[in-house]
Amino acid sequence: MSTPKPPEPAKLVIGMFMKDKALFEQVAEILSEKYGPVDMVSPWLNFDYTCYYEAEMGGPLFRRVLAFENLIQQEMLADIKLYTNNVEKNISGSEKRIINIDPGYLLHAQFILATGKNFSHRIYIGKNIYADLTLMYRKGKFQTLPWTYPDYASEEMMTFLEKVRAKYSYNLTERQKS
C-alpha cells in the first residue's frame, strides 16, 4: 500500500511570447505583483519554429521566460493559468492576442506547462485546465518528449531551465533551513 504524502513545492516558471518586446516589462510587473519577485529571466529566445500564431499575433515573435523566487504548491497551476489567460485578454483588449503567457512549474524530475487544450498525454488538473509534461530530467539533463514544443526543446531553453533547476534546489535547501 502506498502512503500519500504532500508533493514538494514547485518553482513557478512563466514563458511569454509576443511581437512587441516592449510588452515584456509591463506583463512581468503584473506577474511579479501577483506571484512575488522574479529571480531569473531568460535571454530573448528564438520563436521561429512555427507560423501557427502569426495570423493572430503577427511576426516575428519573441519568447522570454521568468522564474519566480517564491515556490508554489503544485495544485495552484490551474488557477495560475486562469489568471494569466485574463492578463492576456486585458493586455490585448480584443479577440486577437498580442501576447501569449504560458505558466508552468519545474521540479527536479520534470517541467510542466499548463494548457486549456486536452490531448492524449495531458492530465486534467481542474477548472478546465490540463498539465502538459513538457520535459523530463534524466541522466543529468532535460530530455524532450515526442510532443515537446520545439521552442522548449531548444538548447537555449534547456540551458536556461537547468539554471532554474539549480536555483530551485537552492530554494528548497533554504526553505528546509528555516
C-alpha atoms as a PDB file:
ATOM      1  CA  MET A   1       0.000   0.000   0.000  1.00  0.00           C
ATOM      2  CA  SER A   2       1.318   3.430  -0.864  1.00  0.00           C
ATOM      3  CA  THR A   3       1.111   6.132   1.751  1.00  0.00           C
ATOM      4  CA  PRO A   4       0.034   9.513   0.375  1.00  0.00           C
ATOM      5  CA  LYS A   5       2.346  12.390   1.201  1.00  0.00           C
ATOM      6  CA  PRO A   6       2.249  16.026   0.207  1.00  0.00           C
ATOM      7  CA  PRO A   7       4.033  16.961  -3.013  1.00  0.00           C
ATOM      8  CA  GLU A   8       7.108  19.157  -2.961  1.00  0.00           C
ATOM      9  CA  PRO A   9       6.614  22.826  -3.701  1.00  0.00           C
ATOM     10  CA  ALA A  10       7.452  23.798  -7.267  1.00  0.00           C
ATOM     11  CA  LYS A  11       9.358  26.584  -8.992  1.00  0.00           C
ATOM     12  CA  LEU A  12       6.915  28.802 -10.885  1.00  0.00           C
ATOM     13  CA  VAL A  13       8.094  29.427 -14.445  1.00  0.00           C
ATOM     14  CA  ILE A  14       6.150  31.609 -16.862  1.00  0.00           C
ATOM     15  CA  GLY A  15       7.013  31.921 -20.533  1.00  0.00           C
ATOM     16  CA  MET A  16       5.730  34.657 -22.796  1.00  0.00           C
ATOM     17  CA  PHE A  17       5.916  35.266 -26.475  1.00  0.00           C
ATOM     18  CA  MET A  18       4.966  38.429 -28.285  1.00  0.00           C
ATOM     19  CA  LYS A  19       5.711  40.535 -31.324  1.00  0.00           C
ATOM     20  CA  ASP A  20       6.301  43.768 -29.391  1.00  0.00           C
ATOM     21  CA  LYS A  21       9.176  43.235 -26.943  1.00  0.00           C
ATOM     22  CA  ALA A  22       8.099  46.356 -25.027  1.00  0.00           C
ATOM     23  CA  LEU A  23       5.148  44.390 -23.607  1.00  0.00           C
ATOM     24  CA  PHE A  24       7.504  42.188 -21.632  1.00  0.00           C
ATOM     25  CA  GLU A  25       8.266  44.671 -18.834  1.00  0.00           C
ATOM     26  CA  GLN A  26       4.595  45.558 -18.355  1.00  0.00           C
ATOM     27  CA  VAL A  27       3.500  41.923 -18.100  1.00  0.00           C
ATOM     28  CA  ALA A  28       6.487  40.920 -15.956  1.00  0.00           C
ATOM     29  CA  GLU A  29       5.493  43.657 -13.482  1.00  0.00           C
ATOM     30  CA  ILE A  30       1.866  42.446 -13.365  1.00  0.00           C
ATOM     31  CA  LEU A  31       3.013  38.863 -12.760  1.00  0.00           C
ATOM     32  CA  SER A  32       5.534  39.818 -10.088  1.00  0.00           C
ATOM     33  CA  GLU A  33       2.872  41.820  -8.244  1.00  0.00           C
ATOM     34  CA  LYS A  34       0.780  38.636  -8.134  1.00  0.00           C
ATOM     35  CA  TYR A  35       3.442  35.930  -7.616  1.00  0.00           C
ATOM     36  CA  GLY A  36       6.328  37.753  -5.966  1.00  0.00           C
ATOM     37  CA  PRO A  37       9.813  38.646  -7.112  1.00  0.00           C
ATOM     38  CA  VAL A  38      11.345  37.232 -10.251  1.00  0.00           C
ATOM     39  CA  ASP A  39      14.740  35.681  -9.597  1.00  0.00           C
ATOM     40  CA  MET A  40      15.688  34.612 -13.133  1.00  0.00           C
ATOM     41  CA  VAL A  41      14.920  35.943 -16.618  1.00  0.00           C
ATOM     42  CA  SER A  42      15.909  34.160 -19.807  1.00  0.00           C
ATOM     43  CA  PRO A  43      17.526  35.977 -22.683  1.00  0.00           C
ATOM     44  CA  TRP A  44      15.254  36.635 -25.648  1.00  0.00           C
ATOM     45  CA  LEU A  45      14.803  33.261 -27.302  1.00  0.00           C
ATOM     46  CA  ASN A  46      14.001  32.413 -30.903  1.00  0.00           C
ATOM     47  CA  PHE A  47      10.394  31.674 -31.678  1.00  0.00           C
ATOM     48  CA  ASP A  48      10.669  30.793 -35.329  1.00  0.00           C
ATOM     49  CA  TYR A  49       9.604  27.148 -35.073  1.00  0.00           C
ATOM     50  CA  THR A  50       6.006  27.635 -36.213  1.00  0.00           C
ATOM     51  CA  CYS A  51       3.793  30.110 -38.050  1.00  0.00           C
ATOM     52  CA  TYR A  52       0.732  28.906 -36.105  1.00  0.00           C
ATOM     53  CA  TYR A  53       0.414  32.162 -34.133  1.00  0.00           C
ATOM     54  CA  GLU A  54       1.291  34.633 -36.909  1.00  0.00           C
ATOM     55  CA  ALA A  55      -2.296  35.035 -38.154  1.00  0.00           C
ATOM     56  CA  GLU A  56      -3.363  36.114 -34.685  1.00  0.00           C
ATOM     57  CA  MET A  57      -0.264  37.921 -33.406  1.00  0.00           C
ATOM     58  CA  GLY A  58       1.785  38.878 -36.449  1.00  0.00           C
ATOM     59  CA  GLY A  59       5.501  38.266 -36.547  1.00  0.00           C
ATOM     60  CA  PRO A  60       8.264  37.881 -35.917  1.00  0.00           C
ATOM     61  CA  LEU A  61       7.563  36.604 -32.404  1.00  0.00           C
ATOM     62  CA  PHE A  62       9.967  36.611 -29.472  1.00  0.00           C
ATOM     63  CA  ARG A  63       9.974  34.448 -26.315  1.00  0.00           C
ATOM     64  CA  ARG A  64      11.208  35.244 -22.830  1.00  0.00           C
ATOM     65  CA  VAL A  65      10.838  33.217 -19.632  1.00  0.00           C
ATOM     66  CA  LEU A  66      10.569  34.253 -15.982  1.00  0.00           C
ATOM     67  CA  ALA A  67      11.281  32.116 -12.928  1.00  0.00           C
ATOM     68  CA  PHE A  68       9.889  33.299  -9.605  1.00  0.00           C
ATOM     69  CA  GLU A  69      11.637  33.323  -6.246  1.00  0.00           C
ATOM     70  CA  ASN A  70       8.612  32.114  -4.267  1.00  0.00           C
ATOM     71  CA  LEU A  71       7.855  28.427  -4.584  1.00  0.00           C
ATOM     72  CA  ILE A  72       4.260  27.399  -5.239  1.00  0.00           C
ATOM     73  CA  GLN A  73       2.081  24.435  -4.407  1.00  0.00           C
ATOM     74  CA  GLN A  74       1.603  22.289  -7.491  1.00  0.00           C
ATOM     75  CA  GLU A  75      -2.179  22.388  -7.203  1.00  0.00           C
ATOM     76  CA  MET A  76      -2.083  26.160  -7.850  1.00  0.00           C
ATOM     77  CA  LEU A  77      -1.264  25.673 -11.543  1.00  0.00           C
ATOM     78  CA  ALA A  78      -4.861  25.716 -12.829  1.00  0.00           C
ATOM     79  CA  ASP A  79      -5.592  28.998 -11.026  1.00  0.00           C
ATOM     80  CA  ILE A  80      -2.338  30.490 -12.311  1.00  0.00           C
ATOM     81  CA  LYS A  81      -3.280  29.562 -15.893  1.00  0.00           C
ATOM     82  CA  LEU A  82      -6.705  31.151 -15.495  1.00  0.00           C
ATOM     83  CA  TYR A  83      -5.067  34.311 -14.119  1.00  0.00           C
ATOM     84  CA  THR A  84      -2.560  34.518 -16.985  1.00  0.00           C
ATOM     85  CA  ASN A  85      -5.375  33.996 -19.502  1.00  0.00           C
ATOM     86  CA  ASN A  86      -7.089  37.062 -18.006  1.00  0.00           C
ATOM     87  CA  VAL A  87      -3.855  39.057 -18.194  1.00  0.00           C
ATOM     88  CA  GLU A  88      -3.589  38.137 -21.901  1.00  0.00           C
ATOM     89  CA  LYS A  89      -7.153  39.351 -22.511  1.00  0.00           C
ATOM     90  CA  ASN A  90      -6.680  42.572 -20.553  1.00  0.00           C
ATOM     91  CA  ILE A  91      -3.399  43.436 -22.282  1.00  0.00           C
ATOM     92  CA  SER A  92      -4.757  42.581 -25.736  1.00  0.00           C
ATOM     93  CA  GLY A  93      -8.079  44.377 -25.363  1.00  0.00           C
ATOM     94  CA  SER A  94      -9.614  42.407 -28.249  1.00  0.00           C
ATOM     95  CA  GLU A  95     -10.211  38.874 -29.521  1.00  0.00           C
ATOM     96  CA  LYS A  96      -6.725  38.737 -31.032  1.00  0.00           C
ATOM     97  CA  ARG A  97      -3.949  38.251 -28.522  1.00  0.00           C
ATOM     98  CA  ILE A  98      -0.832  40.367 -28.664  1.00  0.00           C
ATOM     99  CA  ILE A  99       0.907  38.226 -26.053  1.00  0.00           C
ATOM    100  CA  ASN A 100       0.787  34.543 -25.121  1.00  0.00           C
ATOM    101  CA  ILE A 101       1.555  33.664 -21.496  1.00  0.00           C
ATOM    102  CA  ASP A 102       2.479  30.064 -20.651  1.00  0.00           C
ATOM    103  CA  PRO A 103       2.652  29.288 -16.927  1.00  0.00           C
ATOM    104  CA  GLY A 104       4.204  26.108 -15.657  1.00  0.00           C
ATOM    105  CA  TYR A 105       6.361  24.747 -12.920  1.00  0.00           C
ATOM    106  CA  LEU A 106       9.639  22.995 -12.539  1.00  0.00           C
ATOM    107  CA  LEU A 107      10.510  20.140 -10.197  1.00  0.00           C
ATOM    108  CA  HIS A 108      13.708  18.130 -10.003  1.00  0.00           C
ATOM    109  CA  ALA A 109      12.350  15.460 -12.343  1.00  0.00           C
ATOM    110  CA  GLN A 110      10.171  17.409 -14.770  1.00  0.00           C
ATOM    111  CA  PHE A 111       8.957  20.621 -16.325  1.00  0.00           C
ATOM    112  CA  ILE A 112       5.171  21.006 -16.637  1.00  0.00           C
ATOM    113  CA  LEU A 113       3.176  23.588 -18.613  1.00  0.00           C
ATOM    114  CA  ALA A 114      -0.497  24.448 -18.169  1.00  0.00           C
ATOM    115  CA  THR A 115      -2.875  24.484 -21.116  1.00  0.00           C
ATOM    116  CA  GLY A 116      -6.578  24.696 -21.839  1.00  0.00           C
ATOM    117  CA  LYS A 117      -6.255  22.132 -24.622  1.00  0.00           C
ATOM    118  CA  ASN A 118      -6.677  18.425 -23.941  1.00  0.00           C
ATOM    119  CA  PHE A 119      -4.592  15.777 -25.677  1.00  0.00           C
ATOM    120  CA  SER A 120      -3.622  12.158 -25.031  1.00  0.00           C
ATOM    121  CA  HIS A 121      -0.526  12.988 -22.956  1.00  0.00           C
ATOM    122  CA  ARG A 122      -2.122  15.751 -20.876  1.00  0.00           C
ATOM    123  CA  ILE A 123      -3.636  15.270 -17.431  1.00  0.00           C
ATOM    124  CA  TYR A 124      -6.709  17.161 -16.297  1.00  0.00           C
ATOM    125  CA  ILE A 125      -5.953  19.251 -13.183  1.00  0.00           C
ATOM    126  CA  GLY A 126      -9.293  21.000 -12.719  1.00  0.00           C
ATOM    127  CA  LYS A 127     -11.007  24.222 -13.786  1.00  0.00           C
ATOM    128  CA  ASN A 128     -10.821  23.195 -17.481  1.00  0.00           C
ATOM    129  CA  ILE A 129      -7.019  23.169 -17.377  1.00  0.00           C
ATOM    130  CA  TYR A 130      -4.593  20.379 -18.261  1.00  0.00           C
ATOM    131  CA  ALA A 131      -0.976  19.732 -17.281  1.00  0.00           C
ATOM    132  CA  ASP A 132       1.446  19.018 -20.104  1.00  0.00           C
ATOM    133  CA  LEU A 133       4.580  17.046 -19.214  1.00  0.00           C
ATOM    134  CA  THR A 134       6.921  19.080 -21.414  1.00  0.00           C
ATOM    135  CA  LEU A 135      10.407  17.926 -20.355  1.00  0.00           C
ATOM    136  CA  MET A 136      11.799  15.176 -18.127  1.00  0.00           C
ATOM    137  CA  TYR A 137      15.082  15.435 -16.262  1.00  0.00           C
ATOM    138  CA  ARG A 138      17.123  12.254 -16.709  1.00  0.00           C
ATOM    139  CA  LYS A 139      20.795  11.377 -16.877  1.00  0.00           C
ATOM    140  CA  GLY A 140      21.839  14.855 -15.751  1.00  0.00           C
ATOM    141  CA  LYS A 141      19.882  16.926 -18.254  1.00  0.00           C
ATOM    142  CA  PHE A 142      16.439  17.745 -19.570  1.00  0.00           C
ATOM    143  CA  GLN A 143      15.082  15.302 -22.131  1.00  0.00           C
ATOM    144  CA  THR A 144      12.439  16.123 -24.709  1.00  0.00           C
ATOM    145  CA  LEU A 145       9.363  14.034 -25.362  1.00  0.00           C
ATOM    146  CA  PRO A 146       7.676  13.406 -28.717  1.00  0.00           C
ATOM    147  CA  TRP A 147       5.189  16.232 -28.029  1.00  0.00           C
ATOM    148  CA  THR A 148       7.610  18.809 -26.560  1.00  0.00           C
ATOM    149  CA  TYR A 149       7.111  22.162 -28.268  1.00  0.00           C
ATOM    150  CA  PRO A 150      10.170  22.930 -30.430  1.00  0.00           C
ATOM    151  CA  ASP A 151      10.986  26.182 -28.619  1.00  0.00           C
ATOM    152  CA  TYR A 152      11.028  24.330 -25.280  1.00  0.00           C
ATOM    153  CA  ALA A 153      13.218  21.650 -26.876  1.00  0.00           C
ATOM    154  CA  SER A 154      15.840  24.180 -27.946  1.00  0.00           C
ATOM    155  CA  GLU A 155      19.296  24.031 -26.405  1.00  0.00           C
ATOM    156  CA  GLU A 156      18.966  27.661 -25.228  1.00  0.00           C
ATOM    157  CA  MET A 157      15.734  26.906 -23.360  1.00  0.00           C
ATOM    158  CA  MET A 158      17.023  23.726 -21.751  1.00  0.00           C
ATOM    159  CA  THR A 159      20.216  25.505 -20.653  1.00  0.00           C
ATOM    160  CA  PHE A 160      18.100  28.221 -19.029  1.00  0.00           C
ATOM    161  CA  LEU A 161      15.830  25.647 -17.363  1.00  0.00           C
ATOM    162  CA  GLU A 162      18.860  23.801 -15.979  1.00  0.00           C
ATOM    163  CA  LYS A 163      19.901  27.073 -14.287  1.00  0.00           C
ATOM    164  CA  VAL A 164      16.349  27.425 -12.954  1.00  0.00           C
ATOM    165  CA  ARG A 165      16.552  23.853 -11.654  1.00  0.00           C
ATOM    166  CA  ALA A 166      19.784  24.671  -9.788  1.00  0.00           C
ATOM    167  CA  LYS A 167      18.106  27.731  -8.260  1.00  0.00           C
ATOM    168  CA  TYR A 168      15.108  25.562  -7.323  1.00  0.00           C
ATOM    169  CA  SER A 169      17.443  23.171  -5.468  1.00  0.00           C
ATOM    170  CA  TYR A 170      18.893  26.142  -3.627  1.00  0.00           C
ATOM    171  CA  ASN A 171      15.383  27.426  -2.783  1.00  0.00           C
ATOM    172  CA  LEU A 172      14.431  24.030  -1.337  1.00  0.00           C
ATOM    173  CA  THR A 173      17.599  23.897   0.759  1.00  0.00           C
ATOM    174  CA  GLU A 174      16.979  27.397   2.127  1.00  0.00           C
ATOM    175  CA  ARG A 175      13.357  26.517   2.841  1.00  0.00           C
ATOM    176  CA  GLN A 176      14.399  23.436   4.840  1.00  0.00           C
ATOM    177  CA  LYS A 177      16.826  25.538   6.908  1.00  0.00           C
ATOM    178  CA  SER A 178      14.094  27.941   8.018  1.00  0.00           C
END
